[in-house]
Amino acid sequence: MVSKDKCIGCCSCVNVCPVNAIKLGADGKAQIDKNICIKCHTCENICPVGAIKIEED
């Protein structure tokens, strides 16, 4: 769901997630907890570099 090559660790997605499903990993890149994510696409829409792609089940 997060392209590690594109993610710049800006925390935009972390700050807008309504259910706190996104954290920065040890590598400084966003990580989305699929068990918490409600697939609202807010993070995908806010990401300035297009690093997030929400996958529908």
PDB file of N, CA and C in Angstrom:
ATOM      1  N   MET A   1       0.809  -1.191   0.000  1.00  0.00           N
ATOM      2  CA  MET A   1       0.000   0.000   0.000  1.00  0.00           C
ATOM      3  C   MET A   1       0.859   1.265   0.000  1.00  0.00           C
ATOM      4  N   VAL A   2       2.062   1.212   0.602  1.00  0.00           N
ATOM      5  CA  VAL A   2       2.956   2.358   0.598  1.00  0.00           C
ATOM      6  C   VAL A   2       4.188   2.014  -0.229  1.00  0.00           C
ATOM      7  N   SER A   3       4.484   2.844  -1.221  1.00  0.00           N
ATOM      8  CA  SER A   3       5.683   2.660  -2.019  1.00  0.00           C
ATOM      9  C   SER A   3       6.860   3.219  -1.230  1.00  0.00           C
ATOM     10  N   LYS A   4       7.727   2.337  -0.762  1.00  0.00           N
ATOM     11  CA  LYS A   4       8.883   2.757   0.025  1.00  0.00           C
ATOM     12  C   LYS A   4       9.847   3.595  -0.807  1.00  0.00           C
ATOM     13  N   ASP A   5       9.844   3.408  -2.113  1.00  0.00           N
ATOM     14  CA  ASP A   5      10.709   4.187  -2.993  1.00  0.00           C
ATOM     15  C   ASP A   5      10.236   5.637  -3.112  1.00  0.00           C
ATOM     16  N   LYS A   6       8.919   5.838  -3.038  1.00  0.00           N
ATOM     17  CA  LYS A   6       8.356   7.186  -3.197  1.00  0.00           C
ATOM     18  C   LYS A   6       8.189   7.931  -1.875  1.00  0.00           C
ATOM     19  N   CYS A   7       7.889   7.222  -0.802  1.00  0.00           N
ATOM     20  CA  CYS A   7       7.590   7.851   0.490  1.00  0.00           C
ATOM     21  C   CYS A   7       8.774   8.697   0.960  1.00  0.00           C
ATOM     22  N   ILE A   8       8.474   9.943   1.354  1.00  0.00           N
ATOM     23  CA  ILE A   8       9.516  10.853   1.833  1.00  0.00           C
ATOM     24  C   ILE A   8       9.442  11.077   3.346  1.00  0.00           C
ATOM     25  N   GLY A   9       8.524  10.359   4.015  1.00  0.00           N
ATOM     26  CA  GLY A   9       8.427  10.443   5.472  1.00  0.00           C
ATOM     27  C   GLY A   9       7.940  11.784   5.981  1.00  0.00           C
ATOM     28  N   CYS A  10       7.090  12.450   5.225  1.00  0.00           N
ATOM     29  CA  CYS A  10       6.636  13.795   5.586  1.00  0.00           C
ATOM     30  C   CYS A  10       5.568  13.814   6.679  1.00  0.00           C
ATOM     31  N   CYS A  11       4.956  12.680   6.956  1.00  0.00           N
ATOM     32  CA  CYS A  11       3.922  12.515   7.985  1.00  0.00           C
ATOM     33  C   CYS A  11       2.560  13.108   7.625  1.00  0.00           C
ATOM     34  N   SER A  12       2.371  13.548   6.401  1.00  0.00           N
ATOM     35  CA  SER A  12       1.063  14.072   6.010  1.00  0.00           C
ATOM     36  C   SER A  12      -0.021  13.026   6.214  1.00  0.00           C
ATOM     37  N   CYS A  13       0.266  11.803   5.825  1.00  0.00           N
ATOM     38  CA  CYS A  13      -0.713  10.721   5.958  1.00  0.00           C
ATOM     39  C   CYS A  13      -0.963  10.371   7.421  1.00  0.00           C
ATOM     40  N   VAL A  14       0.092  10.377   8.206  1.00  0.00           N
ATOM     41  CA  VAL A  14      -0.024  10.072   9.640  1.00  0.00           C
ATOM     42  C   VAL A  14      -0.962  11.078  10.297  1.00  0.00           C
ATOM     43  N   ASN A  15      -0.807  12.336   9.939  1.00  0.00           N
ATOM     44  CA  ASN A  15      -1.580  13.408  10.567  1.00  0.00           C
ATOM     45  C   ASN A  15      -3.047  13.431  10.181  1.00  0.00           C
ATOM     46  N   VAL A  16      -3.407  12.877   9.019  1.00  0.00           N
ATOM     47  CA  VAL A  16      -4.805  12.941   8.577  1.00  0.00           C
ATOM     48  C   VAL A  16      -5.581  11.644   8.779  1.00  0.00           C
ATOM     49  N   CYS A  17      -4.923  10.573   9.112  1.00  0.00           N
ATOM     50  CA  CYS A  17      -5.628   9.290   9.263  1.00  0.00           C
ATOM     51  C   CYS A  17      -6.615   9.360  10.427  1.00  0.00           C
ATOM     52  N   PRO A  18      -7.910   9.159  10.150  1.00  0.00           N
ATOM     53  CA  PRO A  18      -8.920   9.283  11.207  1.00  0.00           C
ATOM     54  C   PRO A  18      -8.920   8.147  12.228  1.00  0.00           C
ATOM     55  N   VAL A  19      -8.267   7.046  11.903  1.00  0.00           N
ATOM     56  CA  VAL A  19      -8.253   5.899  12.826  1.00  0.00           C
ATOM     57  C   VAL A  19      -6.842   5.550  13.306  1.00  0.00           C
ATOM     58  N   ASN A  20      -5.880   6.427  13.047  1.00  0.00           N
ATOM     59  CA  ASN A  20      -4.488   6.229  13.473  1.00  0.00           C
ATOM     60  C   ASN A  20      -3.900   4.897  13.010  1.00  0.00           C
ATOM     61  N   ALA A  21      -4.152   4.567  11.755  1.00  0.00           N
ATOM     62  CA  ALA A  21      -3.665   3.312  11.191  1.00  0.00           C
ATOM     63  C   ALA A  21      -2.268   3.442  10.584  1.00  0.00           C
ATOM     64  N   ILE A  22      -1.715   4.655  10.566  1.00  0.00           N
ATOM     65  CA  ILE A  22      -0.433   4.884   9.904  1.00  0.00           C
ATOM     66  C   ILE A  22       0.606   5.370  10.911  1.00  0.00           C
ATOM     67  N   LYS A  23       1.751   4.760  10.849  1.00  0.00           N
ATOM     68  CA  LYS A  23       2.891   5.135  11.689  1.00  0.00           C
ATOM     69  C   LYS A  23       4.124   5.197  10.791  1.00  0.00           C
ATOM     70  N   LEU A  24       5.141   5.896  11.242  1.00  0.00           N
ATOM     71  CA  LEU A  24       6.416   5.858  10.535  1.00  0.00           C
ATOM     72  C   LEU A  24       7.230   4.717  11.103  1.00  0.00           C
ATOM     73  N   GLY A  25       7.799   3.914  10.225  1.00  0.00           N
ATOM     74  CA  GLY A  25       8.626   2.789  10.639  1.00  0.00           C
ATOM     75  C   GLY A  25      10.029   3.243  10.989  1.00  0.00           C
ATOM     76  N   ALA A  26      10.855   2.303  11.375  1.00  0.00           N
ATOM     77  CA  ALA A  26      12.245   2.584  11.735  1.00  0.00           C
ATOM     78  C   ALA A  26      13.017   3.194  10.564  1.00  0.00           C
ATOM     79  N   ASP A  27      12.553   2.913   9.342  1.00  0.00           N
ATOM     80  CA  ASP A  27      13.203   3.453   8.151  1.00  0.00           C
ATOM     81  C   ASP A  27      12.721   4.861   7.800  1.00  0.00           C
ATOM     82  N   GLY A  28      11.788   5.397   8.607  1.00  0.00           N
ATOM     83  CA  GLY A  28      11.269   6.733   8.366  1.00  0.00           C
ATOM     84  C   GLY A  28      10.186   6.793   7.313  1.00  0.00           C
ATOM     85  N   LYS A  29       9.723   5.638   6.888  1.00  0.00           N
ATOM     86  CA  LYS A  29       8.684   5.551   5.858  1.00  0.00           C
ATOM     87  C   LYS A  29       7.354   5.154   6.488  1.00  0.00           C
ATOM     88  N   ALA A  30       6.269   5.587   5.862  1.00  0.00           N
ATOM     89  CA  ALA A  30       4.936   5.283   6.375  1.00  0.00           C
ATOM     90  C   ALA A  30       4.645   3.792   6.295  1.00  0.00           C
ATOM     91  N   GLN A  31       3.946   3.313   7.299  1.00  0.00           N
ATOM     92  CA  GLN A  31       3.472   1.932   7.332  1.00  0.00           C
ATOM     93  C   GLN A  31       2.008   1.962   7.732  1.00  0.00           C
ATOM     94  N   ILE A  32       1.165   1.295   6.960  1.00  0.00           N
ATOM     95  CA  ILE A  32      -0.264   1.267   7.227  1.00  0.00           C
ATOM     96  C   ILE A  32      -0.647  -0.088   7.805  1.00  0.00           C
ATOM     97  N   ASP A  33      -1.307  -0.048   8.951  1.00  0.00           N
ATOM     98  CA  ASP A  33      -1.802  -1.273   9.576  1.00  0.00           C
ATOM     99  C   ASP A  33      -3.115  -1.645   8.897  1.00  0.00           C
ATOM    100  N   LYS A  34      -3.070  -2.684   8.085  1.00  0.00           N
ATOM    101  CA  LYS A  34      -4.246  -3.105   7.314  1.00  0.00           C
ATOM    102  C   LYS A  34      -5.403  -3.557   8.195  1.00  0.00           C
ATOM    103  N   ASN A  35      -5.107  -3.942   9.431  1.00  0.00           N
ATOM    104  CA  ASN A  35      -6.163  -4.378  10.347  1.00  0.00           C
ATOM    105  C   ASN A  35      -6.945  -3.198  10.925  1.00  0.00           C
ATOM    106  N   ILE A  36      -6.371  -2.017  10.864  1.00  0.00           N
ATOM    107  CA  ILE A  36      -7.024  -0.819  11.399  1.00  0.00           C
ATOM    108  C   ILE A  36      -7.594   0.049  10.282  1.00  0.00           C
ATOM    109  N   CYS A  37      -6.932   0.077   9.139  1.00  0.00           N
ATOM    110  CA  CYS A  37      -7.308   0.929   8.008  1.00  0.00           C
ATOM    111  C   CYS A  37      -8.768   0.705   7.597  1.00  0.00           C
ATOM    112  N   ILE A  38      -9.504   1.821   7.416  1.00  0.00           N
ATOM    113  CA  ILE A  38     -10.905   1.740   6.998  1.00  0.00           C
ATOM    114  C   ILE A  38     -11.077   2.089   5.509  1.00  0.00           C
ATOM    115  N   LYS A  39      -9.957   2.247   4.814  1.00  0.00           N
ATOM    116  CA  LYS A  39      -9.948   2.498   3.364  1.00  0.00           C
ATOM    117  C   LYS A  39     -10.753   3.734   2.969  1.00  0.00           C
ATOM    118  N   CYS A  40     -10.542   4.811   3.723  1.00  0.00           N
ATOM    119  CA  CYS A  40     -11.246   6.058   3.437  1.00  0.00           C
ATOM    120  C   CYS A  40     -10.556   6.886   2.354  1.00  0.00           C
ATOM    121  N   HIS A  41      -9.321   6.515   2.004  1.00  0.00           N
ATOM    122  CA  HIS A  41      -8.524   7.153   0.950  1.00  0.00           C
ATOM    123  C   HIS A  41      -8.006   8.547   1.313  1.00  0.00           C
ATOM    124  N   THR A  42      -8.183   8.976   2.550  1.00  0.00           N
ATOM    125  CA  THR A  42      -7.709  10.299   2.959  1.00  0.00           C
ATOM    126  C   THR A  42      -6.195  10.398   2.799  1.00  0.00           C
ATOM    127  N   CYS A  43      -5.472   9.383   3.237  1.00  0.00           N
ATOM    128  CA  CYS A  43      -4.008   9.389   3.135  1.00  0.00           C
ATOM    129  C   CYS A  43      -3.556   9.384   1.686  1.00  0.00           C
ATOM    130  N   GLU A  44      -4.233   8.603   0.888  1.00  0.00           N
ATOM    131  CA  GLU A  44      -3.908   8.506  -0.538  1.00  0.00           C
ATOM    132  C   GLU A  44      -4.067   9.872  -1.209  1.00  0.00           C
ATOM    133  N   ASN A  45      -5.111  10.579  -0.835  1.00  0.00           N
ATOM    134  CA  ASN A  45      -5.393  11.880  -1.436  1.00  0.00           C
ATOM    135  C   ASN A  45      -4.448  12.979  -0.952  1.00  0.00           C
ATOM    136  N   ILE A  46      -3.950  12.875   0.269  1.00  0.00           N
ATOM    137  CA  ILE A  46      -3.090  13.920   0.840  1.00  0.00           C
ATOM    138  C   ILE A  46      -1.611  13.732   0.516  1.00  0.00           C
ATOM    139  N   CYS A  47      -1.200  12.539   0.170  1.00  0.00           N
ATOM    140  CA  CYS A  47       0.219  12.254  -0.060  1.00  0.00           C
ATOM    141  C   CYS A  47       0.774  13.123  -1.203  1.00  0.00           C
ATOM    142  N   PRO A  48       1.777  13.958  -0.906  1.00  0.00           N
ATOM    143  CA  PRO A  48       2.288  14.878  -1.923  1.00  0.00           C
ATOM    144  C   PRO A  48       3.105  14.212  -3.025  1.00  0.00           C
ATOM    145  N   VAL A  49       3.521  12.973  -2.811  1.00  0.00           N
ATOM    146  CA  VAL A  49       4.336  12.287  -3.820  1.00  0.00           C
ATOM    147  C   VAL A  49       3.658  11.052  -4.398  1.00  0.00           C
ATOM    148  N   GLY A  50       2.411  10.803  -4.041  1.00  0.00           N
ATOM    149  CA  GLY A  50       1.675   9.662  -4.582  1.00  0.00           C
ATOM    150  C   GLY A  50       2.218   8.315  -4.172  1.00  0.00           C
ATOM    151  N   ALA A  51       2.723   8.239  -2.935  1.00  0.00           N
ATOM    152  CA  ALA A  51       3.330   6.994  -2.467  1.00  0.00           C
ATOM    153  C   ALA A  51       2.325   5.989  -1.933  1.00  0.00           C
ATOM    154  N   ILE A  52       1.074   6.415  -1.724  1.00  0.00           N
ATOM    155  CA  ILE A  52       0.077   5.528  -1.126  1.00  0.00           C
ATOM    156  C   ILE A  52      -0.978   5.138  -2.148  1.00  0.00           C
ATOM    157  N   LYS A  53      -1.263   3.865  -2.201  1.00  0.00           N
ATOM    158  CA  LYS A  53      -2.327   3.334  -3.051  1.00  0.00           C
ATOM    159  C   LYS A  53      -3.152   2.374  -2.182  1.00  0.00           C
ATOM    160  N   ILE A  54      -4.373   2.759  -1.901  1.00  0.00           N
ATOM    161  CA  ILE A  54      -5.261   1.921  -1.089  1.00  0.00           C
ATOM    162  C   ILE A  54      -5.800   0.796  -1.955  1.00  0.00           C
ATOM    163  N   GLU A  55      -5.601  -0.425  -1.505  1.00  0.00           N
ATOM    164  CA  GLU A  55      -6.051  -1.595  -2.240  1.00  0.00           C
ATOM    165  C   GLU A  55      -7.406  -2.037  -1.709  1.00  0.00           C
ATOM    166  N   GLU A  56      -8.377  -2.095  -2.579  1.00  0.00           N
ATOM    167  CA  GLU A  56      -9.706  -2.582  -2.205  1.00  0.00           C
ATOM    168  C   GLU A  56      -9.690  -4.106  -2.209  1.00  0.00           C
ATOM    169  N   ASP A  57     -10.367  -4.683  -1.252  1.00  0.00           N
ATOM    170  CA  ASP A  57     -10.430  -6.152  -1.162  1.00  0.00           C
ATOM    171  C   ASP A  57     -11.326  -6.734  -2.230  1.00  0.00           C
TER     172      ASP A  57
END
